[in-house]
Amino acid sequence: MLQTISPKPLRWQQQTDSPLARQVDVSLSAAKFGFYLWWDSRIAERSSARRDRRAQWLVGTLLNLGPTFIKIGQALSTRADLLPIEYVKALSQLQDRVPEFSADQAIAIIESELNCPLHTLYREFDRVPLAAASLGQVHRAKLHTGEEVVVKVQRPGLDQLFDLDLKVLDRVVRLSTRYSAIARQYDLEAIYQEFAEILYKEVDYVQEAMNADRFRHNFADHPRIVVPKIYPRYTTKRVLTMEYVPGIKVNDRESLEAIGIDPKDINHLGICAYLKQLLQDGFFQADPHPGNMAVTIDGRLIFYDFGMMAEVMPINRDQMVKTFFAVLKKDTDEVIHTLIDMGLIEPMSDMTPVRRVLGFLIDRFTDKPVEVEAFNSLRNELYTLFEKQPFRLPAKMTFIIKALTTLDGVARDLDPQYNLLIAAKPFVKSLVITAPKNHGSGLGELARQAQSFLTYQIRKPNSAALAIQRLEARLEQGELQIRVQSESDRHLKTLHLAVKSLIYACLTGFSVLSGVVLLVGAYQGGAVVSFIVAGVCGTFLVKSLIRLALRERLNSLRNAP
């Protein structure tokens, strides 16, 4: 349900003409958020109620900062790997809490863009919007031909705000890259560039109309996928008119079950539709949140929003296809090889921990839901991965991962026990059946992998032979040998950090004492220098203590029974 707008304008609506004020507001908000995360994880008690309050503050801050940051918040709402669960739940509310703007503003934009009075364009026009999103809002209307449509109207002043916000974000990213090794490691600049490019495309409704037509063409032979018709005559860069296709929100499990629709069937349909977009078409909806999908009363899946679309280059698509079929065949080495090619894993001198963890995941969870408790047997390998951090997120994969994680959240709402590979079986089956027909077409790698998978299924060893193969692999990896693992390196690293901390503590204390003595002796210049040195050493001391505490926590985790 839409919230009533307060007559007082939000902060972002007051800062569109002041780059400095915007820079200060964004920087302070980011610093405050970072401090809250650090304080709650290191200093304060681990209180869920405290994190709930922080999360609600973050949602209010993003709403105040405006559309650009609402989009960032919506992206973070799918990243439970980056933020505590309380933040993820609160950020998911951004889909429904974006405030609307006035109907008079919407009508003025429509008349200005289409150069006609509203009554000559539409026989009926509902002044109350059906929904409000971060970039615009949707009104129901009826054409003079009698066709029911929805009219999507862009928020006023959006281009100017984006220009300002992206300049601010660019400065923040550049500073982070200069002073933060983590920012350089994850290539924040490339991710920012891709985000900016897609964001500007998303506010061009002519581009969105073209995306919708292309998407509809891709699913022309799939009767259970519905894509609303676009009306080009009533569409401009800031106004989009499309067919009105009502449906039940895709994650509303109770309503779907009430009319006899099986949520698992919708899960399978949605997963297969996305695999087709990623692996077959190379053109996919990058923001599949529940507001962008719905289900008709006869069980068809509707896609609504085509602003945030992304393309997968053929070489990346081939690598994804290889990875997908390697997982189906439980070929761990091929999975690792393709993930390295895609830049998702950085090669290490010893890939055994990566191989063991991925092999464990593929072997145990391709046919059933993931169980966190099962990872106890991999505590040593997880510790090593946590130290080495071999996993990466290249810019070219950012929106693919975002789409998959968002879709995963929707799928789990519908079926908490869902498994991606089980849901994907209809897609794989269709590929295997049509592979001979498509081998000479442009599908290339997909057809080859489908045929290879069919051959694998025919020649697959029986369960006893598979068990022997797995036993041999585990013997080769040393899993079943009695191994004495040396702890010396780990203890030496801990000792090294402890000694560094002690040295910094001594330097800090000596500098403070020297500063006090010089101050008492009226040597103010020397005292100031001593206090500055003490401050620098104190900063390094705090950083060293934090790293030491983290290492001790990891050691205790590893040694836990």
Protein backbone atom coordinates (compact mmCIF):
# COMPACT_ATOMS: atom_id res chain seq x y z
CA MET A 1 0.00 0.00 0.00
CA LEU A 2 1.31 3.46 -0.90
CA GLN A 3 2.17 5.87 1.87
CA THR A 4 0.88 9.40 2.04
CA ILE A 5 3.51 11.97 1.23
CA SER A 6 4.42 14.51 3.83
CA PRO A 7 4.08 18.10 2.58
CA LYS A 8 7.67 18.66 3.66
CA PRO A 9 9.99 17.80 0.72
CA LEU A 10 12.60 15.11 1.16
CA ARG A 11 16.26 16.13 1.44
CA TRP A 12 17.14 15.13 -2.14
CA GLN A 13 14.40 17.45 -3.45
CA GLN A 14 16.12 20.40 -1.78
CA GLN A 15 19.68 19.70 -3.00
CA THR A 16 19.39 19.38 -6.79
CA ASP A 17 21.04 22.79 -7.30
CA SER A 18 23.76 22.44 -4.67
CA PRO A 19 26.54 19.93 -5.48
CA LEU A 20 28.41 20.78 -2.26
CA ALA A 21 25.37 20.19 -0.04
CA ARG A 22 24.69 16.92 -1.85
CA GLN A 23 28.33 15.82 -1.49
CA VAL A 24 28.29 16.56 2.25
CA ASP A 25 24.93 14.80 2.77
CA VAL A 26 25.94 11.65 0.90
CA SER A 27 29.41 11.48 2.48
CA LEU A 28 28.08 11.95 6.02
CA SER A 29 25.37 9.35 5.49
CA ALA A 30 27.90 6.83 4.10
CA ALA A 31 30.33 7.49 6.97
CA LYS A 32 27.58 7.12 9.55
CA PHE A 33 26.40 3.85 8.00
CA GLY A 34 29.95 2.46 7.93
CA PHE A 35 30.48 3.47 11.56
CA TYR A 36 27.22 1.78 12.62
CA LEU A 37 28.23 -1.48 10.90
CA TRP A 38 31.70 -1.38 12.48
CA TRP A 39 30.43 -0.45 15.96
CA ASP A 40 27.70 -3.14 15.99
CA SER A 41 30.07 -5.87 14.80
CA ARG A 42 33.09 -4.98 16.97
CA ILE A 43 32.06 -3.03 20.05
CA ALA A 44 28.34 -3.25 20.85
CA GLU A 45 26.52 -6.35 21.99
CA ARG A 46 25.11 -8.42 19.13
CA SER A 47 21.53 -7.23 19.60
CA SER A 48 18.96 -7.93 16.89
CA ALA A 49 16.79 -5.06 18.18
CA ARG A 50 19.73 -2.63 17.80
CA ARG A 51 20.35 -3.79 14.23
CA ASP A 52 16.63 -3.43 13.48
CA ARG A 53 16.79 0.22 14.57
CA ARG A 54 19.91 0.81 12.47
CA ALA A 55 18.26 -0.84 9.47
CA GLN A 56 15.17 1.34 9.74
CA TRP A 57 17.44 4.38 9.97
CA LEU A 58 19.17 3.24 6.77
CA VAL A 59 15.85 2.86 4.92
CA GLY A 60 14.78 6.35 5.98
CA THR A 61 18.17 7.77 4.95
CA LEU A 62 18.00 6.17 1.49
CA LEU A 63 14.46 7.47 0.96
CA ASN A 64 15.70 10.94 1.91
CA LEU A 65 18.71 10.68 -0.41
CA GLY A 66 16.42 9.90 -3.32
CA PRO A 67 16.05 7.67 -6.43
CA THR A 68 19.75 6.92 -7.06
CA PHE A 69 20.30 5.63 -3.55
CA ILE A 70 16.95 3.86 -3.42
CA LYS A 71 18.20 1.84 -6.42
CA ILE A 72 21.42 1.05 -4.53
CA GLY A 73 19.37 0.04 -1.47
CA GLN A 74 17.17 -2.22 -3.59
CA ALA A 75 20.31 -3.90 -4.94
CA LEU A 76 21.67 -4.38 -1.39
CA SER A 77 18.33 -5.89 -0.30
CA THR A 78 19.41 -9.10 -2.08
CA ARG A 79 22.91 -9.28 -0.54
CA ALA A 80 22.60 -11.20 2.72
CA ASP A 81 26.28 -12.08 2.17
CA LEU A 82 27.27 -8.43 2.69
CA LEU A 83 24.80 -7.14 5.29
CA PRO A 84 23.17 -8.52 8.47
CA ILE A 85 19.76 -10.11 7.86
CA GLU A 86 17.97 -7.25 9.68
CA TYR A 87 19.27 -4.80 7.06
CA VAL A 88 18.28 -7.10 4.19
CA LYS A 89 14.70 -7.39 5.48
CA ALA A 90 14.39 -3.64 6.04
CA LEU A 91 15.83 -2.76 2.61
CA SER A 92 13.31 -5.07 0.93
CA GLN A 93 10.63 -2.60 2.11
CA LEU A 94 12.04 -0.04 -0.32
CA GLN A 95 10.07 -1.79 -3.09
CA ASP A 96 6.81 -0.70 -1.38
CA ARG A 97 7.76 2.48 0.51
CA VAL A 98 8.85 4.74 -2.33
CA PRO A 99 6.67 7.88 -2.11
CA GLU A 100 4.52 8.94 -5.04
CA PHE A 101 4.53 12.41 -6.61
CA SER A 102 1.41 14.44 -7.35
CA ALA A 103 -1.00 13.56 -10.17
CA ASP A 104 -0.80 17.18 -11.41
CA GLN A 105 2.97 16.79 -11.94
CA ALA A 106 2.42 13.49 -13.74
CA ILE A 107 -0.24 14.99 -16.05
CA ALA A 108 1.96 18.01 -16.80
CA ILE A 109 4.83 15.69 -17.84
CA ILE A 110 2.51 13.59 -20.06
CA GLU A 111 1.06 16.64 -21.82
CA SER A 112 4.49 18.20 -22.28
CA GLU A 113 6.05 15.01 -23.66
CA LEU A 114 3.18 14.05 -26.00
CA ASN A 115 2.27 17.65 -26.97
CA CYS A 116 -1.46 17.05 -26.42
CA PRO A 117 -4.01 17.69 -23.68
CA LEU A 118 -4.60 14.62 -21.52
CA HIS A 119 -8.25 14.17 -22.60
CA THR A 120 -7.28 13.87 -26.27
CA LEU A 121 -4.78 11.12 -25.44
CA TYR A 122 -6.78 8.96 -23.03
CA ARG A 123 -10.53 8.48 -22.61
CA GLU A 124 -9.97 7.78 -18.89
CA PHE A 125 -7.02 8.48 -16.60
CA ASP A 126 -6.83 7.45 -12.94
CA ARG A 127 -5.20 10.21 -10.89
CA VAL A 128 -4.31 7.75 -8.11
CA PRO A 129 -1.20 5.76 -9.16
CA LEU A 130 -1.25 1.97 -9.16
CA ALA A 131 2.32 1.93 -7.84
CA ALA A 132 5.27 4.24 -7.21
CA ALA A 133 8.84 3.17 -7.93
CA SER A 134 12.20 4.84 -7.43
CA LEU A 135 12.30 6.29 -10.95
CA GLY A 136 8.63 6.87 -11.73
CA GLN A 137 5.04 5.88 -11.07
CA VAL A 138 2.28 4.06 -12.94
CA HIS A 139 -1.29 5.27 -13.62
CA ARG A 140 -4.12 3.21 -15.05
CA ALA A 141 -5.84 4.64 -18.14
CA LYS A 142 -8.02 3.76 -21.14
CA LEU A 143 -7.38 4.71 -24.76
CA HIS A 144 -10.11 6.14 -26.98
CA THR A 145 -10.07 2.78 -28.80
CA GLY A 146 -11.23 1.13 -25.55
CA GLU A 147 -7.95 -0.64 -24.74
CA GLU A 148 -6.95 -0.63 -21.08
CA VAL A 149 -3.39 0.55 -20.51
CA VAL A 150 -0.99 1.72 -17.83
CA VAL A 151 0.99 4.93 -18.19
CA LYS A 152 4.46 5.04 -16.63
CA VAL A 153 5.59 8.58 -15.86
CA GLN A 154 9.16 9.50 -14.92
CA ARG A 155 9.82 11.48 -11.74
CA PRO A 156 10.40 15.20 -12.39
CA GLY A 157 14.02 16.40 -12.32
CA LEU A 158 15.48 12.88 -12.51
CA ASP A 159 18.18 13.54 -15.16
CA GLN A 160 19.59 16.49 -13.22
CA LEU A 161 19.59 14.50 -9.98
CA PHE A 162 21.35 11.53 -11.59
CA ASP A 163 24.05 13.78 -13.03
CA LEU A 164 24.67 15.23 -9.58
CA ASP A 165 24.54 11.91 -7.67
CA LEU A 166 26.81 10.05 -10.06
CA LYS A 167 29.42 12.80 -9.79
CA VAL A 168 29.27 12.44 -6.01
CA LEU A 169 29.49 8.65 -6.20
CA ASP A 170 32.39 8.93 -8.65
CA ARG A 171 34.36 10.98 -6.10
CA VAL A 172 33.55 8.54 -3.30
CA VAL A 173 34.61 5.55 -5.44
CA ARG A 174 37.85 7.24 -6.51
CA LEU A 175 38.76 8.08 -2.90
CA SER A 176 37.91 4.54 -1.80
CA THR A 177 40.02 3.07 -4.59
CA ARG A 178 42.97 5.31 -3.69
CA TYR A 179 42.98 4.55 0.03
CA SER A 180 41.30 1.14 0.36
CA ALA A 181 42.87 -2.14 -0.74
CA ILE A 182 39.43 -3.80 -0.58
CA ALA A 183 38.00 -1.29 -3.07
CA ARG A 184 40.88 -1.99 -5.47
CA GLN A 185 40.54 -5.72 -4.98
CA TYR A 186 36.86 -5.69 -5.98
CA ASP A 187 37.33 -3.15 -8.80
CA LEU A 188 34.72 -0.67 -7.53
CA GLU A 189 35.44 1.75 -10.38
CA ALA A 190 34.41 -0.76 -13.04
CA ILE A 191 31.27 -1.71 -11.06
CA TYR A 192 30.39 2.00 -10.72
CA GLN A 193 30.80 2.56 -14.48
CA GLU A 194 28.50 -0.35 -15.31
CA PHE A 195 25.93 0.80 -12.73
CA ALA A 196 25.94 4.34 -14.18
CA GLU A 197 25.55 3.07 -17.75
CA ILE A 198 22.56 0.87 -16.91
CA LEU A 199 21.00 3.59 -14.74
CA TYR A 200 21.00 6.12 -17.59
CA LYS A 201 19.49 3.52 -19.92
CA GLU A 202 16.78 2.82 -17.35
CA VAL A 203 15.50 6.42 -17.41
CA ASP A 204 15.08 6.36 -21.20
CA TYR A 205 11.56 4.96 -21.74
CA VAL A 206 12.07 4.71 -25.52
CA GLN A 207 14.92 2.32 -24.79
CA GLU A 208 12.68 0.44 -22.35
CA ALA A 209 10.00 0.10 -25.05
CA MET A 210 12.59 -1.38 -27.42
CA ASN A 211 13.76 -3.73 -24.66
CA ALA A 212 10.17 -4.91 -24.09
CA ASP A 213 9.69 -5.62 -27.82
CA ARG A 214 12.96 -7.58 -27.94
CA PHE A 215 12.03 -9.52 -24.79
CA ARG A 216 8.58 -10.35 -26.21
CA HIS A 217 10.18 -11.60 -29.42
CA ASN A 218 12.53 -13.86 -27.43
CA PHE A 219 9.56 -15.48 -25.68
CA ALA A 220 7.18 -15.52 -28.67
CA ASP A 221 7.11 -19.35 -28.61
CA HIS A 222 6.50 -19.57 -24.85
CA PRO A 223 2.75 -19.19 -24.17
CA ARG A 224 3.20 -19.22 -20.38
CA ILE A 225 5.34 -16.05 -20.45
CA VAL A 226 3.40 -12.78 -20.81
CA VAL A 227 5.00 -9.50 -21.92
CA PRO A 228 2.68 -6.43 -22.09
CA LYS A 229 2.25 -4.78 -25.49
CA ILE A 230 3.87 -1.34 -25.97
CA TYR A 231 2.02 1.60 -27.60
CA PRO A 232 4.76 3.61 -29.41
CA ARG A 233 2.37 6.47 -30.31
CA TYR A 234 1.95 7.23 -26.59
CA THR A 235 5.59 6.68 -25.61
CA THR A 236 8.49 9.15 -25.27
CA LYS A 237 11.71 9.29 -23.28
CA ARG A 238 9.78 10.16 -20.09
CA VAL A 239 6.35 8.57 -20.72
CA LEU A 240 5.67 4.90 -21.48
CA THR A 241 2.24 3.47 -22.33
CA MET A 242 1.77 -0.29 -22.25
CA GLU A 243 -0.99 -2.88 -22.10
CA TYR A 244 -2.71 -3.35 -18.73
CA VAL A 245 -2.09 -6.96 -17.62
CA PRO A 246 -3.19 -7.54 -14.00
CA GLY A 247 -1.83 -10.38 -11.90
CA ILE A 248 -0.99 -11.67 -8.44
CA LYS A 249 2.37 -10.60 -7.02
CA VAL A 250 4.83 -13.39 -7.77
CA ASN A 251 5.88 -13.94 -4.13
CA ASP A 252 2.30 -13.93 -2.72
CA ARG A 253 2.24 -17.64 -1.96
CA GLU A 254 -1.07 -17.64 -0.07
CA SER A 255 -3.00 -15.93 -2.87
CA LEU A 256 -1.52 -18.29 -5.47
CA GLU A 257 -2.47 -21.37 -3.46
CA ALA A 258 -5.96 -19.93 -2.84
CA ILE A 259 -6.75 -20.05 -6.59
CA GLY A 260 -5.18 -23.49 -7.07
CA ILE A 261 -1.76 -22.49 -8.48
CA ASP A 262 1.22 -24.53 -7.26
CA PRO A 263 4.05 -22.17 -6.14
CA LYS A 264 6.62 -24.84 -7.11
CA ASP A 265 5.31 -24.76 -10.69
CA ILE A 266 5.74 -20.97 -10.78
CA ASN A 267 9.26 -21.42 -9.37
CA HIS A 268 10.17 -23.83 -12.14
CA LEU A 269 8.66 -21.52 -14.75
CA GLY A 270 10.56 -18.49 -13.44
CA ILE A 271 13.91 -20.30 -13.11
CA CYS A 272 13.63 -21.75 -16.62
CA ALA A 273 12.69 -18.33 -18.02
CA TYR A 274 15.79 -16.80 -16.46
CA LEU A 275 18.08 -19.58 -17.63
CA LYS A 276 16.78 -18.98 -21.14
CA GLN A 277 17.50 -15.25 -20.80
CA LEU A 278 21.04 -15.80 -19.49
CA LEU A 279 22.23 -18.88 -21.37
CA GLN A 280 20.22 -18.79 -24.57
CA ASP A 281 19.26 -15.18 -25.34
CA GLY A 282 22.08 -13.31 -23.58
CA PHE A 283 19.56 -10.56 -22.76
CA PHE A 284 18.07 -10.55 -19.28
CA GLN A 285 16.06 -8.53 -16.78
CA ALA A 286 18.66 -7.40 -14.24
CA ASP A 287 16.19 -6.51 -11.47
CA PRO A 288 13.69 -9.40 -11.03
CA HIS A 289 12.21 -8.22 -7.70
CA PRO A 290 8.59 -9.16 -6.84
CA GLY A 291 7.27 -5.81 -8.10
CA ASN A 292 8.48 -6.63 -11.62
CA MET A 293 6.77 -10.01 -11.94
CA ALA A 294 3.24 -11.32 -11.42
CA VAL A 295 1.14 -14.40 -12.10
CA THR A 296 -2.14 -14.50 -14.05
CA ILE A 297 -5.13 -16.44 -12.72
CA ASP A 298 -4.42 -19.20 -15.26
CA GLY A 299 -0.82 -19.64 -14.06
CA ARG A 300 1.17 -17.64 -16.62
CA LEU A 301 4.17 -15.51 -15.57
CA ILE A 302 4.06 -11.78 -16.37
CA PHE A 303 7.18 -9.63 -16.74
CA TYR A 304 6.55 -5.90 -16.30
CA ASP A 305 9.66 -3.74 -16.09
CA PHE A 306 12.24 -3.66 -18.93
CA GLY A 307 14.25 -0.60 -17.94
CA MET A 308 17.08 -2.39 -16.15
CA MET A 309 18.14 -4.90 -18.81
CA ALA A 310 21.65 -6.23 -19.38
CA GLU A 311 23.39 -8.25 -22.06
CA VAL A 312 25.79 -11.14 -21.74
CA MET A 313 28.60 -11.12 -24.30
CA PRO A 314 28.86 -14.38 -26.30
CA ILE A 315 32.19 -15.36 -24.71
CA ASN A 316 30.80 -14.86 -21.19
CA ARG A 317 27.62 -16.69 -22.14
CA ASP A 318 29.64 -19.68 -23.35
CA GLN A 319 31.54 -19.74 -20.06
CA MET A 320 28.26 -19.63 -18.10
CA VAL A 321 26.87 -22.47 -20.21
CA LYS A 322 29.99 -24.56 -19.52
CA THR A 323 29.71 -23.83 -15.78
CA PHE A 324 26.02 -24.75 -15.69
CA PHE A 325 26.50 -28.11 -17.40
CA ALA A 326 29.67 -28.84 -15.42
CA VAL A 327 27.60 -28.45 -12.23
CA LEU A 328 24.95 -30.79 -13.64
CA LYS A 329 27.66 -33.37 -14.39
CA LYS A 330 29.29 -32.73 -10.98
CA ASP A 331 32.62 -31.97 -12.69
CA THR A 332 34.36 -29.88 -10.02
CA ASP A 333 37.54 -29.27 -12.02
CA GLU A 334 35.58 -27.89 -14.98
CA VAL A 335 33.52 -25.67 -12.65
CA ILE A 336 36.72 -24.22 -11.15
CA HIS A 337 38.25 -23.75 -14.60
CA THR A 338 35.24 -21.81 -15.94
CA LEU A 339 34.92 -19.70 -12.77
CA ILE A 340 38.60 -18.73 -13.12
CA ASP A 341 38.01 -17.84 -16.79
CA MET A 342 35.08 -15.61 -15.77
CA GLY A 343 37.20 -13.90 -13.11
CA LEU A 344 35.08 -15.12 -10.19
CA ILE A 345 37.99 -17.05 -8.66
CA GLU A 346 41.58 -15.89 -8.47
CA PRO A 347 44.04 -18.78 -8.86
CA MET A 348 45.99 -19.69 -5.70
CA SER A 349 49.18 -21.69 -5.35
CA ASP A 350 47.14 -24.43 -3.66
CA MET A 351 43.61 -24.79 -5.05
CA THR A 352 42.77 -27.75 -2.79
CA PRO A 353 40.55 -25.74 -0.36
CA VAL A 354 38.56 -24.23 -3.26
CA ARG A 355 38.25 -27.63 -4.93
CA ARG A 356 37.07 -29.30 -1.72
CA VAL A 357 34.47 -26.65 -0.90
CA LEU A 358 33.05 -26.47 -4.44
CA GLY A 359 33.14 -30.26 -4.76
CA PHE A 360 31.29 -30.56 -1.47
CA LEU A 361 28.63 -28.07 -2.61
CA ILE A 362 28.17 -29.74 -5.98
CA ASP A 363 28.10 -33.26 -4.53
CA ARG A 364 25.81 -32.57 -1.59
CA PHE A 365 23.43 -29.82 -2.68
CA THR A 366 22.64 -30.21 -6.37
CA ASP A 367 19.61 -32.33 -5.46
CA LYS A 368 18.50 -30.82 -2.14
CA PRO A 369 18.48 -27.49 -0.25
CA VAL A 370 21.68 -26.16 1.32
CA GLU A 371 22.16 -27.00 5.01
CA VAL A 372 24.53 -24.71 6.91
CA GLU A 373 25.27 -27.38 9.56
CA ALA A 374 26.78 -29.64 6.89
CA PHE A 375 29.74 -27.26 6.51
CA ASN A 376 31.20 -28.29 9.89
CA SER A 377 33.30 -30.93 8.13
CA LEU A 378 34.89 -28.19 5.99
CA ARG A 379 35.97 -25.89 8.81
CA ASN A 380 39.68 -25.99 7.85
CA GLU A 381 38.99 -25.22 4.17
CA LEU A 382 36.55 -22.42 4.98
CA TYR A 383 39.14 -20.90 7.30
CA THR A 384 41.73 -20.95 4.50
CA LEU A 385 39.31 -19.38 2.02
CA PHE A 386 38.42 -16.71 4.58
CA GLU A 387 42.13 -15.87 4.88
CA LYS A 388 43.05 -15.98 1.18
CA GLN A 389 39.77 -14.54 -0.19
CA PRO A 390 40.14 -16.02 -3.69
CA PHE A 391 36.61 -15.09 -4.80
CA ARG A 392 36.04 -11.97 -6.90
CA LEU A 393 33.13 -10.08 -8.46
CA PRO A 394 34.14 -8.64 -11.85
CA ALA A 395 32.08 -5.70 -13.11
CA LYS A 396 30.82 -7.74 -16.06
CA MET A 397 29.28 -10.24 -13.61
CA THR A 398 27.79 -7.74 -11.13
CA PHE A 399 24.30 -7.59 -12.61
CA ILE A 400 24.21 -11.29 -13.44
CA ILE A 401 24.94 -12.11 -9.78
CA LYS A 402 22.45 -9.45 -8.66
CA ALA A 403 19.71 -10.92 -10.88
CA LEU A 404 20.40 -14.46 -9.66
CA THR A 405 20.48 -13.50 -5.97
CA THR A 406 17.25 -11.48 -6.32
CA LEU A 407 15.58 -14.37 -8.14
CA ASP A 408 16.83 -16.77 -5.47
CA GLY A 409 15.10 -14.65 -2.80
CA VAL A 410 11.80 -14.69 -4.71
CA ALA A 411 12.08 -18.45 -5.25
CA ARG A 412 12.64 -19.09 -1.53
CA ASP A 413 9.57 -17.00 -0.67
CA LEU A 414 7.52 -19.31 -2.87
CA ASP A 415 9.19 -22.56 -1.77
CA PRO A 416 11.64 -22.54 1.18
CA GLN A 417 12.85 -26.02 0.12
CA TYR A 418 13.51 -25.09 -3.49
CA ASN A 419 16.69 -26.19 -5.26
CA LEU A 420 17.99 -24.34 -8.31
CA LEU A 421 19.08 -27.40 -10.30
CA ILE A 422 15.87 -29.32 -9.67
CA ALA A 423 13.86 -26.28 -10.78
CA ALA A 424 16.04 -26.04 -13.89
CA LYS A 425 15.34 -29.60 -15.09
CA PRO A 426 12.55 -28.61 -17.56
CA PHE A 427 14.97 -26.15 -19.21
CA VAL A 428 17.71 -28.78 -19.45
CA LYS A 429 15.24 -31.33 -20.82
CA SER A 430 14.08 -28.92 -23.52
CA LEU A 431 17.70 -28.24 -24.50
CA VAL A 432 18.54 -31.92 -24.74
CA ILE A 433 15.48 -32.53 -26.93
CA THR A 434 16.13 -29.58 -29.25
CA ALA A 435 19.95 -29.82 -29.33
CA PRO A 436 20.12 -31.75 -32.62
CA LYS A 437 17.88 -29.15 -34.28
CA ASN A 438 19.86 -26.20 -32.91
CA HIS A 439 23.36 -27.54 -33.48
CA GLY A 440 23.72 -25.73 -36.78
CA SER A 441 22.11 -22.51 -35.52
CA GLY A 442 23.65 -19.63 -33.59
CA LEU A 443 23.29 -21.36 -30.23
CA GLY A 444 26.76 -22.93 -30.61
CA GLU A 445 28.11 -23.78 -27.16
CA LEU A 446 24.65 -24.34 -25.69
CA ALA A 447 23.82 -27.00 -28.29
CA ARG A 448 27.21 -28.67 -27.86
CA GLN A 449 26.91 -28.79 -24.08
CA ALA A 450 23.35 -30.11 -24.31
CA GLN A 451 24.50 -32.94 -26.58
CA SER A 452 27.46 -33.63 -24.30
CA PHE A 453 25.12 -33.78 -21.31
CA LEU A 454 22.85 -36.22 -23.16
CA THR A 455 25.87 -38.45 -23.87
CA TYR A 456 26.92 -38.17 -20.21
CA GLN A 457 23.46 -39.22 -19.03
CA ILE A 458 23.53 -42.28 -21.31
CA ARG A 459 27.06 -43.36 -20.33
CA LYS A 460 26.88 -42.27 -16.67
CA PRO A 461 28.29 -45.00 -14.38
CA ASN A 462 26.01 -46.73 -11.92
CA SER A 463 25.88 -45.67 -8.28
CA ALA A 464 28.55 -48.18 -7.18
CA ALA A 465 31.01 -46.97 -9.81
CA LEU A 466 30.29 -43.35 -8.88
CA ALA A 467 30.96 -44.14 -5.22
CA ILE A 468 34.33 -45.70 -6.14
CA GLN A 469 35.24 -42.66 -8.27
CA ARG A 470 34.43 -40.29 -5.40
CA LEU A 471 36.43 -42.42 -2.98
CA GLU A 472 39.43 -42.31 -5.32
CA ALA A 473 39.08 -38.51 -5.68
CA ARG A 474 38.94 -38.06 -1.91
CA LEU A 475 42.03 -40.25 -1.49
CA GLU A 476 43.88 -38.16 -4.08
CA GLN A 477 42.95 -34.97 -2.25
CA GLY A 478 44.12 -36.43 1.05
CA GLU A 479 40.72 -36.30 2.73
CA LEU A 480 40.92 -39.87 4.03
CA GLN A 481 44.56 -39.82 5.06
CA ILE A 482 45.61 -39.21 8.66
CA ARG A 483 47.27 -35.87 8.24
CA VAL A 484 49.18 -33.82 10.76
CA GLN A 485 48.59 -30.21 9.81
CA SER A 486 51.27 -27.80 10.91
CA GLU A 487 49.96 -24.86 12.90
CA SER A 488 53.29 -23.02 12.90
CA ASP A 489 52.46 -20.54 10.11
CA ARG A 490 49.18 -19.60 11.72
CA HIS A 491 50.74 -19.15 15.15
CA LEU A 492 53.61 -17.14 13.67
CA LYS A 493 51.14 -14.77 11.97
CA THR A 494 49.25 -14.31 15.24
CA LEU A 495 52.49 -13.73 17.13
CA HIS A 496 53.62 -11.23 14.47
CA LEU A 497 50.40 -9.22 14.91
CA ALA A 498 50.73 -9.34 18.69
CA VAL A 499 54.33 -8.03 18.55
CA LYS A 500 53.29 -5.25 16.14
CA SER A 501 50.49 -4.27 18.51
CA LEU A 502 52.91 -4.20 21.44
CA ILE A 503 55.36 -2.00 19.50
CA TYR A 504 52.59 0.44 18.50
CA ALA A 505 51.37 0.52 22.11
CA CYS A 506 54.88 1.33 23.36
CA LEU A 507 55.39 4.04 20.73
CA THR A 508 51.99 5.56 21.52
CA GLY A 509 52.62 5.59 25.25
CA PHE A 510 56.17 6.96 24.85
CA SER A 511 54.97 9.73 22.51
CA VAL A 512 52.15 10.76 24.88
CA LEU A 513 54.56 10.80 27.84
CA SER A 514 57.11 12.81 25.85
CA GLY A 515 54.41 15.28 24.81
CA VAL A 516 53.31 15.78 28.43
CA VAL A 517 56.90 16.33 29.60
CA LEU A 518 57.59 18.82 26.78
CA LEU A 519 54.30 20.61 27.46
CA VAL A 520 55.16 20.97 31.16
CA GLY A 521 58.61 22.25 30.19
CA ALA A 522 56.98 24.93 27.97
CA TYR A 523 58.24 23.34 24.72
CA GLN A 524 54.89 23.61 22.97
CA GLY A 525 56.19 22.95 19.46
CA GLY A 526 57.83 19.70 20.47
CA ALA A 527 54.76 18.71 22.49
CA VAL A 528 52.50 19.14 19.43
CA VAL A 529 54.82 16.97 17.31
CA SER A 530 54.87 14.29 20.03
CA PHE A 531 51.05 14.28 20.28
CA ILE A 532 50.75 14.00 16.47
CA VAL A 533 53.14 11.03 16.50
CA ALA A 534 51.08 9.53 19.34
CA GLY A 535 47.90 9.95 17.29
CA VAL A 536 49.42 8.25 14.23
CA CYS A 537 50.81 5.38 16.31
CA GLY A 538 47.48 5.08 18.13
CA THR A 539 45.67 4.73 14.81
CA PHE A 540 47.99 1.91 13.75
CA LEU A 541 47.56 0.34 17.18
CA VAL A 542 43.75 0.26 16.86
CA LYS A 543 44.00 -1.20 13.36
CA SER A 544 46.47 -3.86 14.53
CA LEU A 545 44.29 -4.78 17.52
CA ILE A 546 41.24 -5.18 15.29
CA ARG A 547 43.16 -7.50 12.96
CA LEU A 548 44.47 -9.45 15.95
CA ALA A 549 40.95 -9.81 17.38
CA LEU A 550 39.64 -11.01 14.02
CA ARG A 551 42.42 -13.59 13.69
CA GLU A 552 41.76 -14.85 17.23
CA ARG A 553 38.07 -15.18 16.39
CA LEU A 554 38.89 -17.14 13.23
CA ASN A 555 41.24 -19.39 15.20
CA SER A 556 38.56 -20.07 17.79
CA LEU A 557 36.07 -20.82 15.00
CA ARG A 558 38.48 -23.25 13.39
CA ASN A 559 39.27 -25.03 16.66
CA ALA A 560 35.65 -25.19 17.81
CA PRO A 561 34.32 -28.77 18.29
